[in-house]
C-alpha atoms as a PDB file:
ATOM      1  CA  MET A   1       0.000   0.000   0.000  1.00  0.00           C
ATOM      2  CA  ALA A   2       2.852   2.402   0.721  1.00  0.00           C
ATOM      3  CA  ASP A   3       3.992   2.325  -2.910  1.00  0.00           C
ATOM      4  CA  GLU A   4       0.588   3.448  -4.179  1.00  0.00           C
ATOM      5  CA  SER A   5       0.610   6.687  -2.185  1.00  0.00           C
ATOM      6  CA  THR A   6       4.094   7.554  -3.408  1.00  0.00           C
ATOM      7  CA  GLU A   7       3.003   6.909  -6.995  1.00  0.00           C
ATOM      8  CA  ILE A   8       0.263   9.523  -6.656  1.00  0.00           C
ATOM      9  CA  PHE A   9       2.779  11.981  -5.245  1.00  0.00           C
ATOM     10  CA  ASP A  10       5.307  11.156  -7.994  1.00  0.00           C
ATOM     11  CA  ASP A  11       2.701  11.648 -10.736  1.00  0.00           C
ATOM     12  CA  LEU A  12       1.876  15.114  -9.462  1.00  0.00           C
ATOM     13  CA  GLN A  13       5.529  16.044  -9.118  1.00  0.00           C
ATOM     14  CA  ARG A  14       6.455  14.764 -12.590  1.00  0.00           C
ATOM     15  CA  ARG A  15       4.056  17.242 -14.123  1.00  0.00           C
ATOM     16  CA  GLY A  16       5.879  19.991 -12.272  1.00  0.00           C
ATOM     17  CA  GLU A  17       2.887  20.938 -10.152  1.00  0.00           C
ATOM     18  CA  PRO A  18       3.613  21.576  -6.492  1.00  0.00           C
ATOM     19  CA  LEU A  19       1.213  19.938  -4.058  1.00  0.00           C
ATOM     20  CA  THR A  20      -1.241  22.285  -2.429  1.00  0.00           C
ATOM     21  CA  THR A  21      -1.855  22.174   1.303  1.00  0.00           C
ATOM     22  CA  GLU A  22      -5.231  20.510   0.691  1.00  0.00           C
ATOM     23  CA  GLU A  23      -3.649  17.805  -1.464  1.00  0.00           C
ATOM     24  CA  GLN A  24      -0.974  17.137   1.138  1.00  0.00           C
ATOM     25  CA  GLU A  25      -3.650  16.829   3.841  1.00  0.00           C
ATOM     26  CA  ALA A  26      -5.752  14.512   1.651  1.00  0.00           C
ATOM     27  CA  ILE A  27      -2.792  12.235   0.958  1.00  0.00           C
ATOM     28  CA  GLY A  28      -1.965  12.222   4.669  1.00  0.00           C
ATOM     29  CA  ARG A  29      -5.532  11.275   5.608  1.00  0.00           C
ATOM     30  CA  TRP A  30      -5.586   8.503   2.984  1.00  0.00           C
ATOM     31  CA  GLU A  31      -2.279   7.095   4.234  1.00  0.00           C
ATOM     32  CA  ARG A  32      -3.574   7.012   7.827  1.00  0.00           C
ATOM     33  CA  LEU A  33      -6.726   5.061   6.904  1.00  0.00           C
ATOM     34  CA  SER A  34      -6.713   1.375   7.726  1.00  0.00           C
ATOM     35  CA  SER A  35      -6.803  -1.150   4.887  1.00  0.00           C
ATOM     36  CA  TRP A  36     -10.410  -2.168   5.524  1.00  0.00           C
ATOM     37  CA  ARG A  37     -11.564   1.470   5.422  1.00  0.00           C
ATOM     38  CA  LYS A  38      -9.710   2.009   2.138  1.00  0.00           C
ATOM     39  CA  ALA A  39     -11.424  -1.109   0.752  1.00  0.00           C
ATOM     40  CA  ILE A  40     -14.840   0.199   1.801  1.00  0.00           C
ATOM     41  CA  ALA A  41     -14.160   3.622   0.261  1.00  0.00           C
ATOM     42  CA  ILE A  42     -12.983   2.152  -3.049  1.00  0.00           C
ATOM     43  CA  GLY A  43     -15.841  -0.383  -3.090  1.00  0.00           C
ATOM     44  CA  ALA A  44     -18.467   2.268  -2.421  1.00  0.00           C
ATOM     45  CA  PHE A  45     -17.066   4.452  -5.184  1.00  0.00           C
ATOM     46  CA  SER A  46     -17.062   1.495  -7.600  1.00  0.00           C
ATOM     47  CA  VAL A  47     -20.627   0.469  -6.768  1.00  0.00           C
ATOM     48  CA  GLY A  48     -21.830   4.062  -7.064  1.00  0.00           C
ATOM     49  CA  THR A  49     -20.106   4.561 -10.403  1.00  0.00           C
ATOM     50  CA  PHE A  50     -21.442   1.275 -11.764  1.00  0.00           C
ATOM     51  CA  GLY A  51     -24.945   2.072 -10.506  1.00  0.00           C
ATOM     52  CA  LEU A  52     -24.914   5.514 -12.108  1.00  0.00           C
ATOM     53  CA  GLY A  53     -23.667   4.118 -15.409  1.00  0.00           C
ATOM     54  CA  PHE A  54     -26.227   1.320 -15.332  1.00  0.00           C
ATOM     55  CA  THR A  55     -29.054   3.787 -14.590  1.00  0.00           C
ATOM     56  CA  LEU A  56     -28.046   6.252 -17.298  1.00  0.00           C
ATOM     57  CA  GLY A  57     -27.535   3.430 -19.780  1.00  0.00           C
ATOM     58  CA  GLY A  58     -31.003   2.093 -19.011  1.00  0.00           C
ATOM     59  CA  LEU A  59     -32.569   5.510 -19.452  1.00  0.00           C
ATOM     60  CA  ILE A  60     -30.788   6.200 -22.732  1.00  0.00           C
ATOM     61  CA  PHE A  61     -30.928   2.778 -24.373  1.00  0.00           C
ATOM     62  CA  GLY A  62     -34.245   1.774 -22.818  1.00  0.00           C
ATOM     63  CA  ARG A  63     -36.051   4.225 -25.071  1.00  0.00           C
ATOM     64  CA  TRP A  64     -35.016   2.288 -28.158  1.00  0.00           C
ATOM     65  CA  ARG A  65     -36.716  -0.832 -26.877  1.00  0.00           C
ATOM     66  CA  LYS A  66     -40.453  -1.170 -27.394  1.00  0.00           C
ATOM     67  CA  ALA A  67     -42.469  -2.861 -24.685  1.00  0.00           C
END
């Protein structure tokens, strides 16, 4: 897990953008989270994204289908 947080930091630094105070605090909070809380956060984001995509897809493509 430690390598992932440094990759995020390295990506921002490679583009030549200095980290803002808010970004440094966010990275610090993420690093302090336990593994199970990180898993819940990532899982909730994934489920929410999939649910939104599924809903929008149903609304858009559902119109083409006749009942």
